[in-house]
N, C-alpha and C. Protein backbone atom coordinates (compact mmCIF):
# COMPACT_ATOMS: atom_id res chain seq x y z
N MET A 1 0.85 -1.19 0.00
CA MET A 1 0.00 0.00 0.00
C MET A 1 0.88 1.24 0.00
N SER A 2 0.65 2.14 -0.93
CA SER A 2 1.48 3.35 -1.01
C SER A 2 1.12 4.31 0.10
N THR A 3 2.00 5.31 0.28
CA THR A 3 1.77 6.31 1.33
C THR A 3 0.49 7.09 1.06
N ILE A 4 0.25 7.44 -0.21
CA ILE A 4 -0.96 8.21 -0.56
C ILE A 4 -2.20 7.38 -0.28
N THR A 5 -2.15 6.09 -0.64
CA THR A 5 -3.29 5.21 -0.40
C THR A 5 -3.56 5.06 1.10
N GLU A 6 -2.47 4.95 1.86
CA GLU A 6 -2.61 4.83 3.31
C GLU A 6 -3.29 6.06 3.90
N ARG A 7 -2.87 7.22 3.40
CA ARG A 7 -3.46 8.47 3.92
C ARG A 7 -4.96 8.55 3.59
N ARG A 8 -5.30 8.14 2.37
CA ARG A 8 -6.71 8.17 1.99
C ARG A 8 -7.52 7.20 2.85
N PHE A 9 -6.94 6.05 3.13
CA PHE A 9 -7.62 5.05 3.95
C PHE A 9 -7.86 5.59 5.37
N VAL A 10 -6.82 6.21 5.91
CA VAL A 10 -6.93 6.75 7.27
C VAL A 10 -7.97 7.87 7.30
N ALA A 11 -7.96 8.73 6.28
CA ALA A 11 -8.91 9.83 6.23
C ALA A 11 -10.34 9.32 6.17
N ARG A 12 -10.56 8.28 5.30
CA ARG A 12 -11.91 7.72 5.19
C ARG A 12 -12.33 7.03 6.49
N ALA A 13 -11.40 6.40 7.15
CA ALA A 13 -11.70 5.73 8.42
C ALA A 13 -12.10 6.75 9.48
N CYS A 14 -11.39 7.88 9.48
CA CYS A 14 -11.71 8.95 10.44
C CYS A 14 -13.10 9.51 10.19
N LEU A 15 -13.42 9.75 8.92
CA LEU A 15 -14.75 10.27 8.58
C LEU A 15 -15.84 9.29 8.98
N PHE A 16 -15.59 8.00 8.76
CA PHE A 16 -16.56 6.97 9.13
C PHE A 16 -16.76 6.95 10.64
N ALA A 17 -15.65 7.08 11.37
CA ALA A 17 -15.73 7.07 12.83
C ALA A 17 -16.53 8.27 13.34
N VAL A 18 -16.29 9.44 12.73
CA VAL A 18 -17.03 10.64 13.12
C VAL A 18 -18.52 10.46 12.86
N ALA A 19 -18.85 9.87 11.69
CA ALA A 19 -20.25 9.63 11.34
C ALA A 19 -20.91 8.70 12.35
N LEU A 20 -20.20 7.64 12.73
CA LEU A 20 -20.74 6.71 13.71
C LEU A 20 -20.95 7.39 15.06
N ALA A 21 -19.98 8.22 15.43
CA ALA A 21 -20.08 8.93 16.71
C ALA A 21 -21.29 9.86 16.71
N SER A 22 -21.51 10.50 15.57
CA SER A 22 -22.65 11.41 15.45
C SER A 22 -23.97 10.67 15.58
N ILE A 23 -24.04 9.52 14.90
CA ILE A 23 -25.25 8.71 14.99
C ILE A 23 -25.46 8.23 16.42
N GLY A 24 -24.37 7.84 17.06
CA GLY A 24 -24.46 7.40 18.44
C GLY A 24 -24.92 8.50 19.37
N ALA A 25 -24.41 9.71 19.13
CA ALA A 25 -24.79 10.85 19.96
C ALA A 25 -26.27 11.18 19.80
N ASP A 26 -26.75 11.10 18.53
CA ASP A 26 -28.17 11.36 18.28
C ASP A 26 -29.04 10.33 18.98
N ALA A 27 -28.62 9.07 18.90
CA ALA A 27 -29.39 8.01 19.55
C ALA A 27 -29.41 8.20 21.07
N PHE A 28 -28.26 8.59 21.63
CA PHE A 28 -28.17 8.84 23.06
C PHE A 28 -29.08 10.00 23.47
N ALA A 29 -29.09 11.05 22.63
CA ALA A 29 -29.93 12.21 22.93
C ALA A 29 -31.41 11.84 22.92
N ARG A 30 -31.81 11.05 21.93
CA ARG A 30 -33.20 10.61 21.87
C ARG A 30 -33.57 9.75 23.07
N GLU A 31 -32.66 8.87 23.45
CA GLU A 31 -32.91 8.00 24.60
C GLU A 31 -33.01 8.81 25.89
N ALA A 32 -32.12 9.81 26.02
CA ALA A 32 -32.15 10.66 27.22
C ALA A 32 -33.43 11.47 27.27
N ALA A 33 -33.86 11.97 26.10
CA ALA A 33 -35.09 12.75 26.04
C ALA A 33 -36.28 11.91 26.48
N ALA A 34 -36.32 10.66 26.03
CA ALA A 34 -37.43 9.79 26.37
C ALA A 34 -37.41 9.41 27.85
N LYS A 35 -36.21 9.22 28.40
CA LYS A 35 -36.09 8.73 29.77
C LYS A 35 -36.17 9.84 30.80
N PHE A 36 -35.51 10.98 30.52
CA PHE A 36 -35.40 12.04 31.51
C PHE A 36 -36.17 13.32 31.14
N GLY A 37 -36.68 13.40 29.92
CA GLY A 37 -37.37 14.61 29.52
C GLY A 37 -36.44 15.70 29.05
N PHE A 38 -35.21 15.34 28.74
CA PHE A 38 -34.24 16.31 28.25
C PHE A 38 -34.57 16.70 26.80
N GLY A 39 -34.13 17.88 26.41
CA GLY A 39 -34.21 18.26 25.01
C GLY A 39 -35.57 18.72 24.57
N THR A 40 -36.42 19.11 25.49
CA THR A 40 -37.74 19.60 25.09
C THR A 40 -37.61 20.97 24.43
N ARG A 41 -38.47 21.24 23.49
CA ARG A 41 -38.44 22.51 22.76
C ARG A 41 -39.03 23.60 23.64
N PRO A 42 -38.31 24.72 23.83
CA PRO A 42 -38.84 25.80 24.69
C PRO A 42 -40.07 26.44 24.07
N SER A 43 -40.96 26.91 24.91
CA SER A 43 -42.16 27.59 24.44
C SER A 43 -41.83 29.04 24.08
N GLU A 44 -42.76 29.70 23.42
CA GLU A 44 -42.56 31.11 23.07
C GLU A 44 -42.41 31.95 24.32
N ALA A 45 -43.17 31.60 25.37
CA ALA A 45 -43.09 32.36 26.62
C ALA A 45 -41.70 32.22 27.26
N GLU A 46 -41.14 31.01 27.20
CA GLU A 46 -39.80 30.79 27.77
C GLU A 46 -38.75 31.54 26.97
N ILE A 47 -38.86 31.51 25.66
CA ILE A 47 -37.90 32.23 24.83
C ILE A 47 -38.01 33.73 25.07
N GLY A 48 -39.22 34.19 25.31
CA GLY A 48 -39.44 35.62 25.52
C GLY A 48 -38.77 36.18 26.75
N ARG A 49 -38.40 35.30 27.69
CA ARG A 49 -37.73 35.77 28.90
C ARG A 49 -36.27 36.14 28.65
N PHE A 50 -35.72 35.69 27.54
CA PHE A 50 -34.30 35.92 27.27
C PHE A 50 -34.15 36.90 26.11
N PHE A 51 -33.69 38.08 26.42
CA PHE A 51 -33.48 39.09 25.40
C PHE A 51 -32.44 40.07 25.93
N SER A 52 -31.87 40.83 25.05
CA SER A 52 -30.89 41.83 25.45
C SER A 52 -31.01 43.02 24.51
N PRO A 53 -31.73 44.06 24.94
CA PRO A 53 -31.92 45.21 24.05
C PRO A 53 -30.62 45.94 23.77
N LEU A 54 -30.53 46.51 22.61
CA LEU A 54 -29.35 47.29 22.23
C LEU A 54 -29.45 48.69 22.83
N PRO A 55 -28.33 49.39 22.95
CA PRO A 55 -28.34 50.74 23.54
C PRO A 55 -29.30 51.71 22.87
N ASP A 56 -29.53 51.54 21.56
CA ASP A 56 -30.42 52.46 20.86
C ASP A 56 -31.89 52.07 20.99
N GLY A 57 -32.18 51.05 21.76
CA GLY A 57 -33.56 50.68 22.03
C GLY A 57 -34.09 49.51 21.24
N ARG A 58 -33.38 49.05 20.24
CA ARG A 58 -33.85 47.89 19.49
C ARG A 58 -33.97 46.68 20.40
N GLY A 59 -35.13 46.04 20.35
CA GLY A 59 -35.35 44.88 21.20
C GLY A 59 -36.11 45.20 22.48
N MET A 60 -36.40 46.49 22.75
CA MET A 60 -37.16 46.83 23.94
C MET A 60 -38.61 46.39 23.78
N PRO A 61 -39.22 45.87 24.85
CA PRO A 61 -40.61 45.42 24.76
C PRO A 61 -41.60 46.58 24.90
N GLN A 62 -42.85 46.30 24.62
CA GLN A 62 -43.90 47.27 24.84
C GLN A 62 -44.15 47.43 26.34
N GLY A 63 -44.77 48.54 26.72
CA GLY A 63 -45.06 48.80 28.12
C GLY A 63 -44.59 50.18 28.52
N SER A 64 -44.90 50.59 29.75
CA SER A 64 -44.48 51.90 30.23
C SER A 64 -44.61 51.94 31.75
N GLY A 65 -43.96 52.93 32.34
CA GLY A 65 -44.03 53.08 33.79
C GLY A 65 -43.59 54.46 34.22
N SER A 66 -44.14 54.94 35.32
CA SER A 66 -43.82 56.26 35.85
C SER A 66 -42.93 56.17 37.08
N VAL A 67 -42.41 57.30 37.49
CA VAL A 67 -41.57 57.36 38.69
C VAL A 67 -42.36 56.94 39.92
N LEU A 68 -43.58 57.45 40.04
CA LEU A 68 -44.42 57.13 41.20
C LEU A 68 -44.73 55.65 41.27
N GLU A 69 -45.04 55.06 40.13
CA GLU A 69 -45.28 53.61 40.10
C GLU A 69 -44.02 52.84 40.46
N GLY A 70 -42.89 53.33 39.97
CA GLY A 70 -41.63 52.68 40.26
C GLY A 70 -41.25 52.73 41.73
N LYS A 71 -41.59 53.83 42.38
CA LYS A 71 -41.30 53.94 43.82
C LYS A 71 -42.05 52.87 44.60
N SER A 72 -43.31 52.63 44.22
CA SER A 72 -44.11 51.61 44.90
C SER A 72 -43.51 50.22 44.68
N VAL A 73 -43.12 49.93 43.44
CA VAL A 73 -42.52 48.62 43.14
C VAL A 73 -41.20 48.47 43.89
N TYR A 74 -40.42 49.55 43.93
CA TYR A 74 -39.11 49.50 44.61
C TYR A 74 -39.29 49.18 46.09
N GLN A 75 -40.24 49.83 46.73
CA GLN A 75 -40.44 49.60 48.15
C GLN A 75 -40.86 48.18 48.44
N GLN A 76 -41.63 47.60 47.54
CA GLN A 76 -42.10 46.23 47.75
C GLN A 76 -41.07 45.18 47.37
N GLN A 77 -40.29 45.43 46.33
CA GLN A 77 -39.44 44.38 45.75
C GLN A 77 -37.94 44.58 45.96
N CYS A 78 -37.51 45.81 46.20
CA CYS A 78 -36.07 46.10 46.11
C CYS A 78 -35.45 46.66 47.39
N ALA A 79 -36.25 47.41 48.19
CA ALA A 79 -35.69 48.15 49.32
C ALA A 79 -35.02 47.26 50.35
N SER A 80 -35.52 46.05 50.53
CA SER A 80 -34.94 45.18 51.55
C SER A 80 -33.49 44.82 51.26
N CYS A 81 -33.10 44.84 50.00
CA CYS A 81 -31.71 44.54 49.63
C CYS A 81 -30.90 45.80 49.33
N HIS A 82 -31.50 46.74 48.59
CA HIS A 82 -30.76 47.91 48.11
C HIS A 82 -30.93 49.15 48.98
N GLY A 83 -31.71 49.05 50.05
CA GLY A 83 -31.87 50.15 50.97
C GLY A 83 -33.05 51.04 50.62
N GLU A 84 -33.65 51.65 51.63
CA GLU A 84 -34.82 52.50 51.44
C GLU A 84 -34.52 53.67 50.52
N LYS A 85 -33.32 54.18 50.59
CA LYS A 85 -32.94 55.34 49.78
C LYS A 85 -31.93 54.97 48.69
N LEU A 86 -31.92 53.71 48.29
CA LEU A 86 -31.05 53.20 47.23
C LEU A 86 -29.58 53.27 47.59
N GLN A 87 -29.31 53.34 48.91
CA GLN A 87 -27.94 53.51 49.38
C GLN A 87 -27.17 52.21 49.47
N GLY A 88 -27.85 51.11 49.25
CA GLY A 88 -27.19 49.82 49.34
C GLY A 88 -27.42 49.14 50.68
N GLY A 89 -27.17 47.87 50.71
CA GLY A 89 -27.33 47.08 51.92
C GLY A 89 -26.82 45.69 51.61
N ILE A 90 -27.71 44.72 51.63
CA ILE A 90 -27.33 43.38 51.18
C ILE A 90 -26.97 43.44 49.71
N GLY A 91 -27.73 44.23 48.96
CA GLY A 91 -27.46 44.44 47.54
C GLY A 91 -26.63 45.68 47.30
N ASP A 92 -26.27 45.90 46.07
CA ASP A 92 -25.40 47.02 45.72
C ASP A 92 -26.07 48.37 45.92
N ARG A 93 -25.25 49.38 46.13
CA ARG A 93 -25.70 50.76 46.10
C ARG A 93 -26.07 51.09 44.65
N LEU A 94 -27.14 51.85 44.45
CA LEU A 94 -27.62 52.11 43.10
C LEU A 94 -27.35 53.52 42.60
N ILE A 95 -27.23 54.48 43.50
CA ILE A 95 -27.05 55.86 43.07
C ILE A 95 -25.84 56.50 43.75
N GLY A 96 -25.46 57.68 43.24
CA GLY A 96 -24.30 58.39 43.78
C GLY A 96 -23.02 57.97 43.11
N GLY A 97 -21.91 58.49 43.61
CA GLY A 97 -20.60 58.07 43.14
C GLY A 97 -20.07 58.77 41.91
N ARG A 98 -20.76 59.79 41.42
CA ARG A 98 -20.25 60.47 40.22
C ARG A 98 -18.88 61.08 40.49
N GLY A 99 -17.98 60.91 39.54
CA GLY A 99 -16.64 61.47 39.67
C GLY A 99 -15.68 60.65 40.50
N THR A 100 -16.12 59.50 41.01
CA THR A 100 -15.23 58.70 41.87
C THR A 100 -14.47 57.62 41.11
N LEU A 101 -14.83 57.37 39.87
CA LEU A 101 -14.19 56.27 39.15
C LEU A 101 -12.74 56.57 38.79
N VAL A 102 -12.48 57.84 38.53
CA VAL A 102 -11.12 58.25 38.20
C VAL A 102 -10.74 59.40 39.12
N ASN A 103 -9.79 59.15 40.01
CA ASN A 103 -9.29 60.22 40.87
C ASN A 103 -7.86 59.92 41.28
N ALA A 104 -7.18 60.92 41.75
CA ALA A 104 -5.76 60.79 42.06
C ALA A 104 -5.51 60.45 43.53
N ASP A 105 -6.56 60.24 44.29
CA ASP A 105 -6.42 59.96 45.71
C ASP A 105 -6.65 58.48 45.97
N PRO A 106 -5.62 57.72 46.31
CA PRO A 106 -5.78 56.27 46.54
C PRO A 106 -6.68 55.96 47.72
N ARG A 107 -6.96 56.95 48.57
CA ARG A 107 -7.82 56.71 49.73
C ARG A 107 -9.29 56.75 49.36
N LYS A 108 -9.59 57.22 48.16
CA LYS A 108 -10.97 57.33 47.72
C LYS A 108 -11.27 56.20 46.73
N ALA A 109 -11.96 55.22 47.22
CA ALA A 109 -12.29 54.07 46.37
C ALA A 109 -13.37 54.45 45.37
N PRO A 110 -13.30 53.93 44.15
CA PRO A 110 -14.36 54.18 43.17
C PRO A 110 -15.70 53.63 43.67
N ILE A 111 -16.75 54.35 43.37
CA ILE A 111 -18.10 53.92 43.72
C ILE A 111 -18.85 53.65 42.44
N LYS A 112 -19.04 52.38 42.13
CA LYS A 112 -19.69 51.99 40.88
C LYS A 112 -21.18 51.79 41.10
N THR A 113 -21.96 52.66 40.50
CA THR A 113 -23.41 52.59 40.60
C THR A 113 -24.03 52.75 39.22
N VAL A 114 -25.35 52.62 39.17
CA VAL A 114 -26.07 52.92 37.93
C VAL A 114 -25.75 54.34 37.48
N GLU A 115 -25.69 55.24 38.43
CA GLU A 115 -25.47 56.66 38.15
C GLU A 115 -24.06 56.98 37.72
N SER A 116 -23.08 56.35 38.34
CA SER A 116 -21.69 56.74 38.08
C SER A 116 -21.01 55.93 36.98
N TYR A 117 -21.54 54.73 36.70
CA TYR A 117 -20.78 53.80 35.85
C TYR A 117 -21.49 53.43 34.55
N TRP A 118 -22.75 53.07 34.62
CA TRP A 118 -23.42 52.51 33.45
C TRP A 118 -23.58 53.55 32.35
N PRO A 119 -23.15 53.26 31.13
CA PRO A 119 -23.21 54.25 30.06
C PRO A 119 -24.55 54.34 29.34
N TYR A 120 -25.39 53.30 29.45
CA TYR A 120 -26.66 53.28 28.72
C TYR A 120 -27.81 52.95 29.66
N ALA A 121 -28.90 53.70 29.51
CA ALA A 121 -30.07 53.48 30.36
C ALA A 121 -30.75 52.15 30.05
N THR A 122 -30.65 51.68 28.82
CA THR A 122 -31.28 50.41 28.46
C THR A 122 -30.67 49.23 29.21
N THR A 123 -29.42 49.38 29.64
CA THR A 123 -28.77 48.32 30.41
C THR A 123 -29.49 48.11 31.73
N LEU A 124 -29.98 49.19 32.32
CA LEU A 124 -30.70 49.09 33.59
C LEU A 124 -31.96 48.26 33.43
N PHE A 125 -32.73 48.55 32.38
CA PHE A 125 -33.93 47.76 32.12
C PHE A 125 -33.56 46.29 31.91
N ASP A 126 -32.57 46.04 31.09
CA ASP A 126 -32.15 44.68 30.75
C ASP A 126 -31.78 43.90 32.00
N TYR A 127 -30.99 44.51 32.86
CA TYR A 127 -30.51 43.80 34.06
C TYR A 127 -31.65 43.52 35.03
N VAL A 128 -32.47 44.54 35.28
CA VAL A 128 -33.58 44.36 36.21
C VAL A 128 -34.55 43.29 35.69
N LYS A 129 -34.83 43.34 34.41
CA LYS A 129 -35.77 42.39 33.80
C LYS A 129 -35.28 40.95 33.94
N ARG A 130 -34.01 40.72 33.73
CA ARG A 130 -33.49 39.35 33.73
C ARG A 130 -33.08 38.84 35.11
N ALA A 131 -32.61 39.73 35.98
CA ALA A 131 -31.95 39.26 37.20
C ALA A 131 -32.61 39.66 38.51
N MET A 132 -33.62 40.51 38.48
CA MET A 132 -34.22 40.99 39.71
C MET A 132 -35.71 40.65 39.76
N PRO A 133 -36.24 40.58 41.00
CA PRO A 133 -35.55 40.59 42.29
C PRO A 133 -34.78 39.30 42.52
N LEU A 134 -33.85 39.34 43.44
CA LEU A 134 -32.94 38.22 43.63
C LEU A 134 -33.69 36.92 43.94
N THR A 135 -34.78 37.03 44.69
CA THR A 135 -35.50 35.82 45.09
C THR A 135 -36.42 35.28 43.99
N ALA A 136 -36.70 36.10 42.98
CA ALA A 136 -37.60 35.65 41.91
C ALA A 136 -37.25 36.37 40.61
N PRO A 137 -36.05 36.15 40.08
CA PRO A 137 -35.64 36.85 38.86
C PRO A 137 -36.57 36.56 37.69
N GLY A 138 -36.88 37.61 36.94
CA GLY A 138 -37.75 37.45 35.78
C GLY A 138 -39.23 37.50 36.10
N SER A 139 -39.58 37.76 37.35
CA SER A 139 -40.98 37.75 37.76
C SER A 139 -41.68 39.09 37.55
N LEU A 140 -40.93 40.16 37.33
CA LEU A 140 -41.54 41.48 37.16
C LEU A 140 -42.08 41.64 35.74
N THR A 141 -43.18 42.35 35.63
CA THR A 141 -43.74 42.62 34.31
C THR A 141 -42.92 43.71 33.63
N ASP A 142 -43.10 43.87 32.33
CA ASP A 142 -42.38 44.93 31.61
C ASP A 142 -42.77 46.30 32.14
N ASP A 143 -44.05 46.49 32.47
CA ASP A 143 -44.48 47.77 33.04
C ASP A 143 -43.78 48.05 34.36
N GLN A 144 -43.66 47.04 35.19
CA GLN A 144 -42.97 47.22 36.47
C GLN A 144 -41.50 47.56 36.28
N VAL A 145 -40.88 46.92 35.31
CA VAL A 145 -39.45 47.19 35.07
C VAL A 145 -39.27 48.60 34.52
N TYR A 146 -40.13 49.02 33.63
CA TYR A 146 -40.06 50.41 33.13
C TYR A 146 -40.24 51.39 34.27
N ALA A 147 -41.19 51.10 35.16
CA ALA A 147 -41.43 51.99 36.29
C ALA A 147 -40.23 52.03 37.23
N LEU A 148 -39.66 50.87 37.53
CA LEU A 148 -38.46 50.82 38.39
C LEU A 148 -37.31 51.60 37.77
N THR A 149 -37.15 51.42 36.47
CA THR A 149 -36.08 52.13 35.77
C THR A 149 -36.28 53.64 35.88
N ALA A 150 -37.51 54.09 35.70
CA ALA A 150 -37.82 55.52 35.83
C ALA A 150 -37.50 56.01 37.23
N TYR A 151 -37.88 55.24 38.25
CA TYR A 151 -37.66 55.66 39.63
C TYR A 151 -36.17 55.74 39.97
N ILE A 152 -35.42 54.72 39.58
CA ILE A 152 -33.98 54.72 39.89
C ILE A 152 -33.28 55.89 39.18
N LEU A 153 -33.62 56.13 37.93
CA LEU A 153 -33.00 57.23 37.18
C LEU A 153 -33.41 58.58 37.77
N PHE A 154 -34.63 58.68 38.27
CA PHE A 154 -35.05 59.92 38.93
C PHE A 154 -34.25 60.15 40.21
N GLU A 155 -34.13 59.12 41.03
CA GLU A 155 -33.39 59.25 42.28
C GLU A 155 -31.91 59.55 42.02
N ALA A 156 -31.43 59.18 40.84
CA ALA A 156 -30.04 59.46 40.47
C ALA A 156 -29.89 60.83 39.82
N ASN A 157 -30.97 61.62 39.81
CA ASN A 157 -30.96 62.97 39.23
C ASN A 157 -30.61 62.95 37.74
N ILE A 158 -31.14 61.96 37.04
CA ILE A 158 -30.88 61.84 35.61
C ILE A 158 -32.12 62.21 34.80
N VAL A 159 -33.31 61.91 35.34
CA VAL A 159 -34.56 62.25 34.66
C VAL A 159 -35.47 63.01 35.63
N ALA A 160 -36.49 63.67 35.08
CA ALA A 160 -37.44 64.42 35.88
C ALA A 160 -38.47 63.50 36.52
N ASP A 161 -39.20 64.04 37.51
CA ASP A 161 -40.16 63.21 38.23
C ASP A 161 -41.43 62.91 37.44
N ASP A 162 -41.64 63.59 36.32
CA ASP A 162 -42.84 63.36 35.53
C ASP A 162 -42.57 62.50 34.29
N VAL A 163 -41.41 61.91 34.20
CA VAL A 163 -41.06 61.12 33.02
C VAL A 163 -41.89 59.83 32.97
N ILE A 164 -42.27 59.44 31.77
CA ILE A 164 -42.90 58.14 31.53
C ILE A 164 -41.91 57.33 30.72
N MET A 165 -41.46 56.24 31.29
CA MET A 165 -40.43 55.45 30.63
C MET A 165 -41.06 54.36 29.78
N ASN A 166 -40.59 54.27 28.53
CA ASN A 166 -41.07 53.24 27.62
C ASN A 166 -39.99 52.97 26.58
N ALA A 167 -40.35 52.20 25.55
CA ALA A 167 -39.36 51.80 24.54
C ALA A 167 -38.83 52.98 23.74
N GLU A 168 -39.58 54.07 23.68
CA GLU A 168 -39.14 55.25 22.94
C GLU A 168 -38.33 56.21 23.80
N THR A 169 -38.77 56.42 25.05
CA THR A 169 -38.11 57.43 25.89
C THR A 169 -36.85 56.91 26.57
N LEU A 170 -36.82 55.63 26.94
CA LEU A 170 -35.66 55.11 27.67
C LEU A 170 -34.35 55.22 26.90
N PRO A 171 -34.30 54.84 25.62
CA PRO A 171 -33.02 54.93 24.89
C PRO A 171 -32.52 56.37 24.72
N LYS A 172 -33.41 57.35 24.90
CA LYS A 172 -33.01 58.74 24.73
C LYS A 172 -32.38 59.34 25.98
N VAL A 173 -32.43 58.61 27.09
CA VAL A 173 -31.84 59.10 28.34
C VAL A 173 -30.32 59.12 28.20
N VAL A 174 -29.73 60.26 28.52
CA VAL A 174 -28.27 60.41 28.45
C VAL A 174 -27.69 60.16 29.84
N MET A 175 -26.93 59.11 29.98
CA MET A 175 -26.36 58.74 31.27
C MET A 175 -25.11 59.58 31.57
N PRO A 176 -24.85 59.85 32.86
CA PRO A 176 -23.70 60.69 33.23
C PRO A 176 -22.36 60.16 32.74
N ASN A 177 -22.22 58.84 32.64
CA ASN A 177 -20.93 58.27 32.25
C ASN A 177 -20.94 57.74 30.82
N VAL A 178 -21.77 58.32 29.97
CA VAL A 178 -21.87 57.83 28.60
C VAL A 178 -20.55 57.98 27.84
N ASP A 179 -19.74 58.96 28.23
CA ASP A 179 -18.45 59.16 27.56
C ASP A 179 -17.28 58.54 28.32
N GLY A 180 -17.61 57.73 29.32
CA GLY A 180 -16.55 57.14 30.14
C GLY A 180 -15.98 55.85 29.59
N PHE A 181 -16.47 55.41 28.44
CA PHE A 181 -15.98 54.19 27.81
C PHE A 181 -15.43 54.51 26.43
N MET A 182 -14.39 53.79 26.04
CA MET A 182 -13.81 53.98 24.71
C MET A 182 -14.18 52.81 23.82
N PRO A 183 -14.49 53.07 22.55
CA PRO A 183 -14.81 51.96 21.65
C PRO A 183 -13.58 51.09 21.42
N ASP A 184 -13.81 49.80 21.26
CA ASP A 184 -12.71 48.87 21.01
C ASP A 184 -12.08 49.18 19.65
N HIS A 185 -10.77 49.25 19.61
CA HIS A 185 -10.07 49.61 18.39
C HIS A 185 -9.76 48.41 17.51
N ARG A 186 -10.37 47.27 17.83
CA ARG A 186 -10.12 46.05 17.06
C ARG A 186 -11.42 45.52 16.47
N PRO A 187 -12.02 46.24 15.56
CA PRO A 187 -13.31 45.78 15.01
C PRO A 187 -13.22 44.44 14.31
N GLU A 188 -12.04 44.08 13.86
CA GLU A 188 -11.90 42.80 13.16
C GLU A 188 -12.09 41.61 14.11
N HIS A 189 -12.07 41.84 15.42
CA HIS A 189 -12.24 40.77 16.39
C HIS A 189 -13.70 40.47 16.66
N PHE A 190 -14.61 41.22 16.07
CA PHE A 190 -16.03 41.04 16.33
C PHE A 190 -16.75 40.66 15.05
N PRO A 191 -17.74 39.78 15.15
CA PRO A 191 -18.46 39.37 13.93
C PRO A 191 -19.36 40.49 13.43
N PRO A 192 -19.65 40.51 12.15
CA PRO A 192 -20.60 41.50 11.64
C PRO A 192 -21.97 41.30 12.27
N VAL A 193 -22.75 42.36 12.33
CA VAL A 193 -24.05 42.30 12.99
C VAL A 193 -24.91 41.18 12.44
N ALA A 194 -24.81 40.93 11.12
CA ALA A 194 -25.64 39.91 10.48
C ALA A 194 -25.37 38.52 11.03
N LYS A 195 -24.22 38.31 11.69
CA LYS A 195 -23.89 36.99 12.20
C LYS A 195 -23.97 36.91 13.72
N THR A 196 -24.59 37.90 14.35
CA THR A 196 -24.74 37.91 15.80
C THR A 196 -26.13 37.41 16.16
N PRO A 197 -26.35 37.03 17.43
CA PRO A 197 -27.69 36.58 17.84
C PRO A 197 -28.76 37.63 17.63
N HIS A 198 -28.38 38.91 17.67
CA HIS A 198 -29.39 39.95 17.49
C HIS A 198 -30.10 39.82 16.15
N GLN A 199 -29.36 39.38 15.15
CA GLN A 199 -29.96 39.24 13.81
C GLN A 199 -30.98 38.11 13.82
N SER A 200 -30.59 36.97 14.34
CA SER A 200 -31.48 35.81 14.31
C SER A 200 -32.71 36.01 15.18
N LEU A 201 -32.59 36.86 16.19
CA LEU A 201 -33.74 37.11 17.07
C LEU A 201 -34.63 38.23 16.52
N GLY A 202 -34.25 38.80 15.40
CA GLY A 202 -35.07 39.82 14.80
C GLY A 202 -34.91 41.19 15.43
N ILE A 203 -33.86 41.37 16.26
CA ILE A 203 -33.64 42.66 16.91
C ILE A 203 -32.98 43.64 15.95
N VAL A 204 -32.09 43.13 15.11
CA VAL A 204 -31.43 43.98 14.13
C VAL A 204 -32.09 43.77 12.78
N LYS A 205 -32.55 44.83 12.19
CA LYS A 205 -33.22 44.74 10.88
C LYS A 205 -32.24 45.06 9.75
């Protein structure tokens, strides 16, 4: 058997082995699904819980909320962890800290809050919607999350007390630290938008 023939034989054997492994994996998956209930197709409601809106508002859900409504939700759902005045406690401090991220005094530790650190208001909605409250993440309605977002931004002196937060108004909020981040200078390290999950989820048109 020549060297070239040997290589072809080995290559074909490898491909055959991979094919068998694939078939075996599929059979194992089917067996596991039947025995343990693994591999069930998620419902539309389950898929709807997972989203990540873009800074310009693409992907934001319908709904709205006011500062007053948000205060009520905060007192019921958030104050026990984040403090009555958003000063922190078991959970993180939410407001204050402007100007503390960069300073020349080593005795002054940076204070990272929604107000001092986060560059986009849509991030606040995204995080609260997916991760809060700690004991029941994902349990808040979109209206409640909009209202909470309005209340926190009001307490941070970013929006007025009469603001109504929704998919149109939230992305227009200018955060105090919006210029505190620099764009990555290596665009070649990131896939084009058309190949990101945002495209397949219909967030990017």
